[in-house]
């Protein structure tokens, strides 16, 4: 796959256990030729966890992308008027961000980046990582599947015995899902068997 010349907005939200996997995919997209503009939610910018410090993730992302992370709503807003991005990827996309996207709420840099981008009638690709996908957020998944220009990285239950409502995207399928979304197609099958 060749992503040379493709401008990818890469939004990172606070599903902290998936961040290192997300960075691995970010590196992969750069190797495939993609030009990445990183955007980070406030929670990732300001929270240290057992999965790594915020400074570690900020430094790693800026090194991979070769540019500074968009960290404010104000700095995310020009993405739309300047038509900077070909596809907006949210990986990981938490349940909180998913619900706000479906409801049209804009209160983080990630949400502003998506809102600004969608005005240009271009694809948004969501890589879910939420413990309540089969609970409170199921209606938001359905709502976004039915909205124009929203696509999903195929996802499935990650631990159906201990977390029966939790679902996570197959991050390894991000490149294929990008390729499909750029053609206005949903990569299928969208639902995968439990891990």
N, C-alpha and C. Protein backbone atom coordinates (compact mmCIF):
# COMPACT_ATOMS: atom_id res chain seq x y z
N UNK A 1 0.84 -1.19 0.00
CA UNK A 1 0.00 0.00 0.00
C UNK A 1 0.88 1.24 0.00
N UNK A 2 0.48 2.22 -0.77
CA UNK A 2 1.24 3.46 -0.89
C UNK A 2 0.37 4.62 -0.42
N UNK A 3 0.79 5.28 0.65
CA UNK A 3 0.06 6.44 1.16
C UNK A 3 0.80 7.74 0.87
N UNK A 4 1.73 7.69 -0.07
CA UNK A 4 2.50 8.89 -0.41
C UNK A 4 1.55 9.99 -0.88
N UNK A 5 1.73 11.17 -0.29
CA UNK A 5 0.90 12.31 -0.65
C UNK A 5 -0.42 12.39 0.10
N UNK A 6 -0.71 11.40 0.96
CA UNK A 6 -1.96 11.41 1.72
C UNK A 6 -1.72 12.13 3.05
N UNK A 7 -2.50 13.18 3.30
CA UNK A 7 -2.41 13.93 4.55
C UNK A 7 -3.40 13.34 5.55
N UNK A 8 -2.84 12.76 6.61
CA UNK A 8 -3.64 12.07 7.61
C UNK A 8 -3.65 12.87 8.90
N UNK A 9 -4.83 13.27 9.34
CA UNK A 9 -4.98 13.82 10.68
C UNK A 9 -5.05 12.64 11.62
N UNK A 10 -4.21 12.60 12.62
CA UNK A 10 -4.16 11.45 13.53
C UNK A 10 -4.48 11.93 14.93
N UNK A 11 -5.70 11.66 15.37
CA UNK A 11 -6.17 12.10 16.69
C UNK A 11 -6.01 10.98 17.71
N UNK A 12 -5.51 11.35 18.88
CA UNK A 12 -5.26 10.39 19.95
C UNK A 12 -6.07 10.77 21.17
N UNK A 13 -6.89 9.81 21.64
CA UNK A 13 -7.71 10.01 22.84
C UNK A 13 -7.23 9.08 23.95
N UNK A 14 -7.85 9.21 25.12
CA UNK A 14 -7.35 8.59 26.33
C UNK A 14 -7.71 7.16 26.64
N UNK A 15 -7.67 6.28 25.69
CA UNK A 15 -7.70 4.85 26.00
C UNK A 15 -6.24 4.46 26.19
N UNK A 16 -5.74 4.71 27.39
CA UNK A 16 -4.30 4.66 27.64
C UNK A 16 -3.67 3.30 27.36
N UNK A 17 -4.42 2.22 27.57
CA UNK A 17 -3.86 0.88 27.34
C UNK A 17 -3.62 0.59 25.87
N UNK A 18 -4.17 1.41 24.97
CA UNK A 18 -3.98 1.18 23.53
C UNK A 18 -2.99 2.17 22.89
N UNK A 19 -2.46 3.09 23.66
CA UNK A 19 -1.63 4.15 23.07
C UNK A 19 -0.36 3.64 22.41
N UNK A 20 0.31 2.68 23.01
CA UNK A 20 1.55 2.18 22.39
C UNK A 20 1.24 1.47 21.08
N UNK A 21 0.12 0.76 21.02
CA UNK A 21 -0.28 0.11 19.77
C UNK A 21 -0.63 1.17 18.72
N UNK A 22 -1.24 2.25 19.16
CA UNK A 22 -1.56 3.34 18.24
C UNK A 22 -0.29 3.97 17.68
N UNK A 23 0.71 4.17 18.51
CA UNK A 23 1.99 4.72 18.04
C UNK A 23 2.66 3.80 17.03
N UNK A 24 2.54 2.50 17.25
CA UNK A 24 3.09 1.53 16.29
C UNK A 24 2.44 1.72 14.92
N UNK A 25 1.13 1.93 14.91
CA UNK A 25 0.42 2.15 13.65
C UNK A 25 0.79 3.50 13.03
N UNK A 26 1.00 4.49 13.87
CA UNK A 26 1.42 5.80 13.38
C UNK A 26 2.75 5.67 12.64
N UNK A 27 3.69 4.95 13.23
CA UNK A 27 4.98 4.71 12.59
C UNK A 27 4.79 3.99 11.25
N UNK A 28 3.90 3.01 11.24
CA UNK A 28 3.62 2.25 10.03
C UNK A 28 3.08 3.15 8.92
N UNK A 29 2.17 4.04 9.27
CA UNK A 29 1.59 4.95 8.27
C UNK A 29 2.65 5.88 7.69
N UNK A 30 3.59 6.32 8.52
CA UNK A 30 4.69 7.16 8.03
C UNK A 30 5.56 6.36 7.07
N UNK A 31 5.84 5.10 7.41
CA UNK A 31 6.64 4.24 6.53
C UNK A 31 5.94 4.02 5.19
N UNK A 32 4.62 4.02 5.21
CA UNK A 32 3.84 3.84 3.97
C UNK A 32 3.74 5.13 3.16
N UNK A 33 4.32 6.22 3.69
CA UNK A 33 4.36 7.47 2.95
C UNK A 33 3.39 8.53 3.39
N UNK A 34 2.55 8.22 4.39
CA UNK A 34 1.57 9.20 4.86
C UNK A 34 2.22 10.36 5.58
N UNK A 35 1.65 11.55 5.41
CA UNK A 35 2.09 12.74 6.14
C UNK A 35 1.09 12.94 7.27
N UNK A 36 1.57 12.86 8.51
CA UNK A 36 0.66 12.86 9.65
C UNK A 36 0.70 14.19 10.39
N UNK A 37 -0.51 14.71 10.64
CA UNK A 37 -0.71 15.86 11.51
C UNK A 37 -1.32 15.33 12.80
N UNK A 38 -0.57 15.32 13.91
CA UNK A 38 -1.09 14.74 15.15
C UNK A 38 -1.94 15.74 15.95
N UNK A 39 -3.00 15.21 16.55
CA UNK A 39 -3.89 15.98 17.41
C UNK A 39 -4.10 15.16 18.67
N UNK A 40 -4.09 15.80 19.84
CA UNK A 40 -4.19 15.05 21.08
C UNK A 40 -5.27 15.62 21.98
N UNK A 41 -6.01 14.72 22.63
CA UNK A 41 -7.03 15.15 23.58
C UNK A 41 -6.37 15.68 24.85
N UNK A 42 -7.14 16.47 25.59
CA UNK A 42 -6.61 17.03 26.84
C UNK A 42 -6.21 15.93 27.82
N UNK A 43 -6.96 14.84 27.87
CA UNK A 43 -6.66 13.79 28.84
C UNK A 43 -5.29 13.16 28.57
N UNK A 44 -4.95 12.94 27.31
CA UNK A 44 -3.64 12.35 27.00
C UNK A 44 -2.53 13.37 27.22
N UNK A 45 -2.82 14.62 26.91
CA UNK A 45 -1.82 15.67 27.10
C UNK A 45 -1.43 15.86 28.55
N UNK A 46 -2.36 15.59 29.46
CA UNK A 46 -2.16 15.98 30.87
C UNK A 46 -2.17 14.84 31.87
N UNK A 47 -2.14 13.59 31.41
CA UNK A 47 -2.27 12.48 32.34
C UNK A 47 -1.12 11.49 32.20
N UNK A 48 -0.47 11.20 33.33
CA UNK A 48 0.51 10.12 33.40
C UNK A 48 -0.20 8.89 33.94
N UNK A 49 0.04 7.73 33.32
CA UNK A 49 -0.58 6.49 33.78
C UNK A 49 0.47 5.40 33.85
N UNK A 50 0.05 4.21 34.26
CA UNK A 50 0.97 3.07 34.30
C UNK A 50 1.41 2.65 32.91
N UNK A 51 0.72 3.16 31.88
CA UNK A 51 1.08 2.83 30.50
C UNK A 51 2.11 3.80 29.92
N UNK A 52 2.42 4.87 30.65
CA UNK A 52 3.42 5.82 30.19
C UNK A 52 3.04 7.25 30.58
N UNK A 53 4.04 8.10 30.61
CA UNK A 53 3.81 9.50 30.96
C UNK A 53 3.32 10.28 29.75
N UNK A 54 2.65 11.39 30.02
CA UNK A 54 2.20 12.25 28.92
C UNK A 54 3.42 12.77 28.14
N UNK A 55 4.49 13.09 28.83
CA UNK A 55 5.70 13.56 28.15
C UNK A 55 6.25 12.50 27.20
N UNK A 56 6.22 11.23 27.61
CA UNK A 56 6.69 10.15 26.75
C UNK A 56 5.88 10.11 25.45
N UNK A 57 4.56 10.17 25.57
CA UNK A 57 3.71 10.09 24.38
C UNK A 57 3.85 11.34 23.50
N UNK A 58 3.91 12.50 24.12
CA UNK A 58 4.09 13.73 23.34
C UNK A 58 5.41 13.68 22.56
N UNK A 59 6.50 13.35 23.25
CA UNK A 59 7.80 13.29 22.59
C UNK A 59 7.83 12.24 21.48
N UNK A 60 7.27 11.06 21.75
CA UNK A 60 7.27 9.98 20.77
C UNK A 60 6.49 10.36 19.52
N UNK A 61 5.30 10.94 19.72
CA UNK A 61 4.45 11.31 18.59
C UNK A 61 5.10 12.40 17.74
N UNK A 62 5.66 13.41 18.39
CA UNK A 62 6.28 14.49 17.63
C UNK A 62 7.52 14.00 16.87
N UNK A 63 8.23 13.04 17.45
CA UNK A 63 9.38 12.47 16.75
C UNK A 63 8.93 11.66 15.53
N UNK A 64 7.89 10.84 15.69
CA UNK A 64 7.38 10.02 14.59
C UNK A 64 6.88 10.90 13.44
N UNK A 65 6.12 11.94 13.80
CA UNK A 65 5.45 12.77 12.78
C UNK A 65 6.33 13.89 12.24
N UNK A 66 7.34 14.27 12.99
CA UNK A 66 8.21 15.36 12.55
C UNK A 66 7.55 16.72 12.65
N UNK A 67 6.53 16.81 13.48
CA UNK A 67 5.89 18.11 13.71
C UNK A 67 5.20 18.13 15.08
N UNK A 68 4.89 19.34 15.53
CA UNK A 68 4.26 19.49 16.83
C UNK A 68 2.82 18.99 16.81
N UNK A 69 2.38 18.52 17.96
CA UNK A 69 1.00 18.07 18.14
C UNK A 69 0.09 19.28 18.24
N UNK A 70 -1.08 19.18 17.62
CA UNK A 70 -2.14 20.18 17.83
C UNK A 70 -2.73 19.90 19.20
N UNK A 71 -2.66 20.90 20.09
CA UNK A 71 -3.02 20.68 21.50
C UNK A 71 -4.18 21.54 21.98
N UNK A 72 -4.71 22.43 21.12
CA UNK A 72 -5.79 23.31 21.55
C UNK A 72 -6.91 23.32 20.52
N UNK A 73 -8.08 23.68 20.98
CA UNK A 73 -9.24 23.82 20.08
C UNK A 73 -8.93 24.90 19.03
N UNK A 74 -8.35 25.99 19.47
CA UNK A 74 -8.03 27.09 18.56
C UNK A 74 -7.09 26.64 17.44
N UNK A 75 -6.10 25.83 17.78
CA UNK A 75 -5.14 25.38 16.77
C UNK A 75 -5.71 24.30 15.86
N UNK A 76 -6.76 23.60 16.31
CA UNK A 76 -7.39 22.57 15.48
C UNK A 76 -8.37 23.15 14.47
N UNK A 77 -8.94 24.28 14.76
CA UNK A 77 -10.00 24.86 13.92
C UNK A 77 -9.58 25.14 12.47
N UNK A 78 -8.34 25.59 12.18
CA UNK A 78 -7.95 25.87 10.79
C UNK A 78 -7.90 24.64 9.89
N UNK A 79 -7.94 23.45 10.45
CA UNK A 79 -7.90 22.23 9.63
C UNK A 79 -8.98 22.27 8.55
N UNK A 80 -10.17 22.75 8.91
CA UNK A 80 -11.27 22.81 7.95
C UNK A 80 -11.13 23.91 6.92
N UNK A 81 -11.06 25.17 7.35
CA UNK A 81 -10.97 26.26 6.38
C UNK A 81 -9.77 26.17 5.45
N UNK A 82 -8.65 25.63 5.95
CA UNK A 82 -7.45 25.51 5.12
C UNK A 82 -7.38 24.19 4.36
N UNK A 83 -8.38 23.31 4.60
CA UNK A 83 -8.49 22.03 3.88
C UNK A 83 -7.17 21.26 3.93
N UNK A 84 -6.68 21.04 5.16
CA UNK A 84 -5.34 20.50 5.37
C UNK A 84 -5.24 18.97 5.29
N UNK A 85 -6.37 18.28 5.50
CA UNK A 85 -6.33 16.84 5.74
C UNK A 85 -7.15 16.09 4.69
N UNK A 86 -6.65 14.92 4.28
CA UNK A 86 -7.40 14.05 3.36
C UNK A 86 -8.31 13.08 4.11
N UNK A 87 -7.82 12.57 5.23
CA UNK A 87 -8.61 11.66 6.07
C UNK A 87 -8.24 11.92 7.52
N UNK A 88 -9.26 11.93 8.38
CA UNK A 88 -9.05 12.13 9.81
C UNK A 88 -9.23 10.79 10.51
N UNK A 89 -8.20 10.35 11.21
CA UNK A 89 -8.21 9.10 11.96
C UNK A 89 -8.25 9.41 13.45
N UNK A 90 -9.14 8.76 14.18
CA UNK A 90 -9.17 8.88 15.64
C UNK A 90 -8.83 7.50 16.18
N UNK A 91 -7.59 7.36 16.73
CA UNK A 91 -7.09 6.06 17.15
C UNK A 91 -6.18 6.19 18.37
N UNK A 92 -6.68 5.90 19.54
CA UNK A 92 -7.97 5.30 19.84
C UNK A 92 -9.09 6.32 19.93
N UNK A 93 -10.30 5.84 19.64
CA UNK A 93 -11.51 6.65 19.83
C UNK A 93 -12.23 6.10 21.05
N UNK A 94 -12.22 6.85 22.12
CA UNK A 94 -12.86 6.42 23.36
C UNK A 94 -14.38 6.55 23.28
N UNK A 95 -15.06 5.93 24.24
CA UNK A 95 -16.51 6.05 24.32
C UNK A 95 -16.95 7.48 24.52
N UNK A 96 -16.20 8.24 25.28
CA UNK A 96 -16.53 9.65 25.52
C UNK A 96 -16.48 10.45 24.22
N UNK A 97 -15.40 10.27 23.46
CA UNK A 97 -15.27 10.98 22.18
C UNK A 97 -16.33 10.51 21.20
N UNK A 98 -16.59 9.21 21.17
CA UNK A 98 -17.61 8.64 20.29
C UNK A 98 -18.97 9.28 20.56
N UNK A 99 -19.35 9.37 21.84
CA UNK A 99 -20.64 9.96 22.21
C UNK A 99 -20.72 11.42 21.81
N UNK A 100 -19.64 12.15 22.02
CA UNK A 100 -19.64 13.57 21.67
C UNK A 100 -19.68 13.78 20.16
N UNK A 101 -18.98 12.94 19.42
CA UNK A 101 -19.05 13.03 17.95
C UNK A 101 -20.48 12.82 17.46
N UNK A 102 -21.14 11.82 18.02
CA UNK A 102 -22.51 11.52 17.59
C UNK A 102 -23.47 12.62 17.98
N UNK A 103 -23.15 13.36 19.04
CA UNK A 103 -24.04 14.42 19.53
C UNK A 103 -23.64 15.81 19.06
N UNK A 104 -22.54 15.92 18.33
CA UNK A 104 -22.10 17.22 17.82
C UNK A 104 -21.47 18.11 18.87
N UNK A 105 -20.90 17.53 19.93
CA UNK A 105 -20.26 18.31 20.99
C UNK A 105 -18.79 18.53 20.62
N UNK A 106 -18.32 19.77 20.79
CA UNK A 106 -16.93 20.11 20.47
C UNK A 106 -16.31 20.79 21.68
N UNK A 107 -15.56 20.02 22.49
CA UNK A 107 -14.93 20.60 23.67
C UNK A 107 -13.51 20.10 23.90
N UNK A 108 -12.91 19.51 22.86
CA UNK A 108 -11.50 19.11 22.93
C UNK A 108 -10.85 19.38 21.56
N UNK A 109 -9.53 19.39 21.50
CA UNK A 109 -8.87 19.57 20.21
C UNK A 109 -9.24 18.47 19.20
N UNK A 110 -9.39 17.23 19.68
CA UNK A 110 -9.77 16.13 18.79
C UNK A 110 -11.14 16.37 18.16
N UNK A 111 -12.10 16.74 18.98
CA UNK A 111 -13.46 16.97 18.47
C UNK A 111 -13.50 18.15 17.50
N UNK A 112 -12.74 19.19 17.78
CA UNK A 112 -12.68 20.32 16.86
C UNK A 112 -12.01 19.91 15.55
N UNK A 113 -10.95 19.10 15.65
CA UNK A 113 -10.26 18.65 14.43
C UNK A 113 -11.22 17.87 13.54
N UNK A 114 -12.01 16.98 14.12
CA UNK A 114 -12.97 16.20 13.34
C UNK A 114 -14.05 17.11 12.76
N UNK A 115 -14.58 18.01 13.60
CA UNK A 115 -15.62 18.92 13.12
C UNK A 115 -15.11 19.80 11.98
N UNK A 116 -13.91 20.33 12.14
CA UNK A 116 -13.34 21.19 11.11
C UNK A 116 -13.11 20.42 9.82
N UNK A 117 -12.66 19.17 9.95
CA UNK A 117 -12.38 18.34 8.79
C UNK A 117 -13.64 17.92 8.04
N UNK A 118 -14.67 17.55 8.78
CA UNK A 118 -15.88 16.98 8.16
C UNK A 118 -16.61 18.01 7.29
N UNK A 119 -16.37 19.28 7.53
CA UNK A 119 -17.01 20.30 6.70
C UNK A 119 -16.57 20.22 5.25
N UNK A 120 -15.42 19.57 5.00
CA UNK A 120 -14.89 19.43 3.65
C UNK A 120 -15.37 18.16 2.95
N UNK A 121 -16.34 17.47 3.59
CA UNK A 121 -16.95 16.29 2.98
C UNK A 121 -15.92 15.19 2.71
N UNK A 122 -15.02 15.01 3.68
CA UNK A 122 -13.97 14.01 3.58
C UNK A 122 -14.11 12.99 4.71
N UNK A 123 -13.48 11.82 4.58
CA UNK A 123 -13.72 10.74 5.53
C UNK A 123 -13.08 10.93 6.91
N UNK A 124 -13.81 10.40 7.91
CA UNK A 124 -13.33 10.29 9.28
C UNK A 124 -13.33 8.80 9.61
N UNK A 125 -12.20 8.30 10.10
CA UNK A 125 -12.05 6.89 10.43
C UNK A 125 -11.86 6.74 11.93
N UNK A 126 -12.70 5.91 12.55
CA UNK A 126 -12.68 5.74 14.00
C UNK A 126 -12.17 4.35 14.37
N UNK A 127 -11.19 4.32 15.27
CA UNK A 127 -10.66 3.06 15.81
C UNK A 127 -11.10 2.97 17.27
N UNK A 128 -12.20 2.29 17.49
CA UNK A 128 -12.81 2.22 18.82
C UNK A 128 -11.91 1.58 19.86
N UNK A 129 -12.05 2.05 21.08
CA UNK A 129 -11.46 1.42 22.25
C UNK A 129 -12.31 1.88 23.43
N UNK A 130 -13.35 1.12 23.74
CA UNK A 130 -14.26 1.54 24.80
C UNK A 130 -14.84 0.35 25.55
N UNK A 131 -14.92 0.49 26.86
CA UNK A 131 -15.47 -0.57 27.71
C UNK A 131 -16.98 -0.65 27.67
N UNK A 132 -17.65 0.34 27.07
CA UNK A 132 -19.12 0.31 27.03
C UNK A 132 -19.69 0.33 25.61
N UNK A 133 -18.95 -0.26 24.67
CA UNK A 133 -19.41 -0.31 23.28
C UNK A 133 -20.74 -1.04 23.14
N UNK A 134 -20.92 -2.09 23.93
CA UNK A 134 -22.17 -2.86 23.88
C UNK A 134 -23.11 -2.44 25.01
N UNK A 135 -22.87 -1.27 25.57
CA UNK A 135 -23.72 -0.70 26.60
C UNK A 135 -24.21 0.66 26.15
N UNK A 136 -23.88 1.68 26.92
CA UNK A 136 -24.37 3.04 26.65
C UNK A 136 -23.93 3.56 25.29
N UNK A 137 -22.79 3.11 24.80
CA UNK A 137 -22.28 3.65 23.54
C UNK A 137 -22.74 2.91 22.29
N UNK A 138 -23.51 1.85 22.45
CA UNK A 138 -23.97 1.12 21.27
C UNK A 138 -24.79 2.01 20.35
N UNK A 139 -25.64 2.87 20.94
CA UNK A 139 -26.44 3.77 20.10
C UNK A 139 -25.56 4.79 19.37
N UNK A 140 -24.42 5.17 19.97
CA UNK A 140 -23.52 6.11 19.30
C UNK A 140 -22.76 5.45 18.15
N UNK A 141 -22.41 4.20 18.32
CA UNK A 141 -21.79 3.46 17.22
C UNK A 141 -22.77 3.40 16.05
N UNK A 142 -24.01 3.00 16.34
CA UNK A 142 -25.04 2.95 15.30
C UNK A 142 -25.29 4.30 14.66
N UNK A 143 -25.31 5.34 15.48
CA UNK A 143 -25.54 6.69 14.97
C UNK A 143 -24.46 7.13 14.00
N UNK A 144 -23.20 6.83 14.33
CA UNK A 144 -22.09 7.25 13.47
C UNK A 144 -21.95 6.36 12.23
N UNK A 145 -22.31 5.10 12.35
CA UNK A 145 -22.31 4.24 11.16
C UNK A 145 -23.28 4.80 10.12
N UNK A 146 -24.37 5.41 10.58
CA UNK A 146 -25.38 5.96 9.68
C UNK A 146 -25.11 7.39 9.24
N UNK A 147 -24.07 8.01 9.75
CA UNK A 147 -23.73 9.38 9.34
C UNK A 147 -22.76 9.35 8.16
N UNK A 148 -22.95 10.27 7.26
CA UNK A 148 -22.10 10.36 6.07
C UNK A 148 -20.66 10.66 6.46
N UNK A 149 -19.74 10.00 5.78
CA UNK A 149 -18.30 10.23 5.90
C UNK A 149 -17.66 9.66 7.17
N UNK A 150 -18.41 8.90 7.97
CA UNK A 150 -17.82 8.24 9.14
C UNK A 150 -17.64 6.76 8.83
N UNK A 151 -16.44 6.26 9.14
CA UNK A 151 -16.09 4.86 8.89
C UNK A 151 -15.41 4.31 10.14
N UNK A 152 -15.40 2.99 10.26
CA UNK A 152 -14.81 2.35 11.43
C UNK A 152 -13.72 1.38 11.01
N UNK A 153 -12.64 1.35 11.79
CA UNK A 153 -11.69 0.26 11.70
C UNK A 153 -12.42 -0.95 12.27
N UNK A 154 -12.39 -2.11 11.61
CA UNK A 154 -13.11 -3.28 12.14
C UNK A 154 -12.79 -3.51 13.61
N UNK A 155 -13.81 -3.89 14.36
CA UNK A 155 -13.66 -4.02 15.82
C UNK A 155 -14.38 -5.25 16.33
N UNK A 156 -14.02 -5.66 17.55
CA UNK A 156 -14.65 -6.82 18.18
C UNK A 156 -14.43 -6.78 19.68
N UNK A 157 -15.05 -7.73 20.36
CA UNK A 157 -14.89 -7.83 21.81
C UNK A 157 -13.46 -8.23 22.14
N UNK A 158 -12.84 -7.52 23.07
CA UNK A 158 -11.45 -7.81 23.42
C UNK A 158 -11.31 -8.74 24.61
N UNK A 159 -12.31 -8.82 25.47
CA UNK A 159 -12.28 -9.72 26.63
C UNK A 159 -13.72 -9.98 27.06
N UNK A 160 -14.42 -10.82 26.30
CA UNK A 160 -15.86 -11.00 26.51
C UNK A 160 -16.20 -11.65 27.84
N UNK A 161 -15.25 -12.32 28.51
CA UNK A 161 -15.53 -12.93 29.80
C UNK A 161 -15.45 -11.92 30.94
N UNK A 162 -14.39 -11.12 30.96
CA UNK A 162 -14.20 -10.16 32.04
C UNK A 162 -14.83 -8.81 31.76
N UNK A 163 -14.92 -8.44 30.47
CA UNK A 163 -15.48 -7.13 30.08
C UNK A 163 -16.46 -7.35 28.92
N UNK A 164 -17.64 -7.90 29.19
CA UNK A 164 -18.54 -8.31 28.11
C UNK A 164 -19.08 -7.17 27.24
N UNK A 165 -18.98 -5.93 27.68
CA UNK A 165 -19.47 -4.81 26.88
C UNK A 165 -18.35 -4.06 26.15
N UNK A 166 -17.12 -4.50 26.36
CA UNK A 166 -15.95 -3.82 25.81
C UNK A 166 -15.67 -4.27 24.38
N UNK A 167 -15.30 -3.29 23.54
CA UNK A 167 -14.88 -3.60 22.17
C UNK A 167 -13.68 -2.73 21.82
N UNK A 168 -12.85 -3.28 20.94
CA UNK A 168 -11.65 -2.56 20.52
C UNK A 168 -11.41 -2.81 19.03
N UNK A 169 -10.91 -1.80 18.36
CA UNK A 169 -10.59 -1.92 16.95
C UNK A 169 -9.36 -2.80 16.76
N UNK A 170 -9.29 -3.41 15.60
CA UNK A 170 -8.11 -4.16 15.20
C UNK A 170 -7.13 -3.14 14.59
N UNK A 171 -6.24 -2.62 15.41
CA UNK A 171 -5.35 -1.53 14.98
C UNK A 171 -4.49 -1.93 13.78
N UNK A 172 -4.21 -3.21 13.63
CA UNK A 172 -3.42 -3.65 12.48
C UNK A 172 -4.14 -3.43 11.16
N UNK A 173 -5.45 -3.21 11.21
CA UNK A 173 -6.23 -2.99 9.98
C UNK A 173 -6.39 -1.51 9.64
N UNK A 174 -5.74 -0.64 10.39
CA UNK A 174 -5.84 0.80 10.11
C UNK A 174 -5.43 1.14 8.68
N UNK A 175 -4.30 0.67 8.16
CA UNK A 175 -3.95 1.04 6.78
C UNK A 175 -5.00 0.61 5.76
N UNK A 176 -5.52 -0.61 5.88
CA UNK A 176 -6.55 -1.08 4.95
C UNK A 176 -7.83 -0.28 5.10
N UNK A 177 -8.17 0.08 6.34
CA UNK A 177 -9.38 0.87 6.58
C UNK A 177 -9.24 2.28 6.02
N UNK A 178 -8.03 2.84 6.08
CA UNK A 178 -7.78 4.15 5.47
C UNK A 178 -7.97 4.06 3.96
N UNK A 179 -7.38 3.04 3.37
CA UNK A 179 -7.49 2.88 1.92
C UNK A 179 -8.96 2.77 1.49
N UNK A 180 -9.76 2.01 2.24
CA UNK A 180 -11.18 1.86 1.92
C UNK A 180 -11.93 3.17 2.12
N UNK A 181 -11.70 3.85 3.25
CA UNK A 181 -12.42 5.09 3.55
C UNK A 181 -12.11 6.18 2.53
N UNK A 182 -10.88 6.22 2.03
CA UNK A 182 -10.53 7.20 1.00
C UNK A 182 -11.31 6.96 -0.29
N UNK A 183 -11.83 5.73 -0.44
CA UNK A 183 -12.69 5.40 -1.58
C UNK A 183 -14.17 5.44 -1.21
N UNK A 184 -14.47 6.04 -0.03
CA UNK A 184 -15.84 6.12 0.50
C UNK A 184 -16.44 4.74 0.73
N UNK A 185 -15.61 3.82 1.23
CA UNK A 185 -16.07 2.46 1.51
C UNK A 185 -15.73 2.09 2.95
N UNK A 186 -16.63 1.29 3.56
CA UNK A 186 -16.38 0.73 4.88
C UNK A 186 -15.66 -0.60 4.71
N UNK A 187 -14.48 -0.75 5.33
CA UNK A 187 -13.76 -2.02 5.31
C UNK A 187 -14.63 -3.08 5.99
N UNK A 188 -14.78 -4.20 5.33
CA UNK A 188 -15.63 -5.28 5.85
C UNK A 188 -14.79 -6.53 6.12
N UNK A 189 -15.26 -7.38 7.04
CA UNK A 189 -16.41 -7.18 7.90
C UNK A 189 -16.10 -6.18 9.01
N UNK A 190 -17.08 -5.39 9.37
CA UNK A 190 -16.88 -4.37 10.39
C UNK A 190 -16.79 -4.99 11.78
N UNK A 191 -17.50 -6.10 11.99
CA UNK A 191 -17.46 -6.80 13.28
C UNK A 191 -16.60 -8.04 13.17
N UNK A 192 -15.69 -8.19 14.13
CA UNK A 192 -14.81 -9.34 14.15
C UNK A 192 -15.17 -10.28 15.28
N UNK A 193 -14.71 -11.50 15.19
CA UNK A 193 -14.93 -12.48 16.25
C UNK A 193 -14.20 -12.04 17.51
N UNK A 194 -14.72 -12.43 18.68
CA UNK A 194 -14.04 -12.06 19.94
C UNK A 194 -12.60 -12.57 19.97
N UNK A 195 -11.75 -11.81 20.63
CA UNK A 195 -10.34 -12.19 20.76
C UNK A 195 -10.19 -13.30 21.79
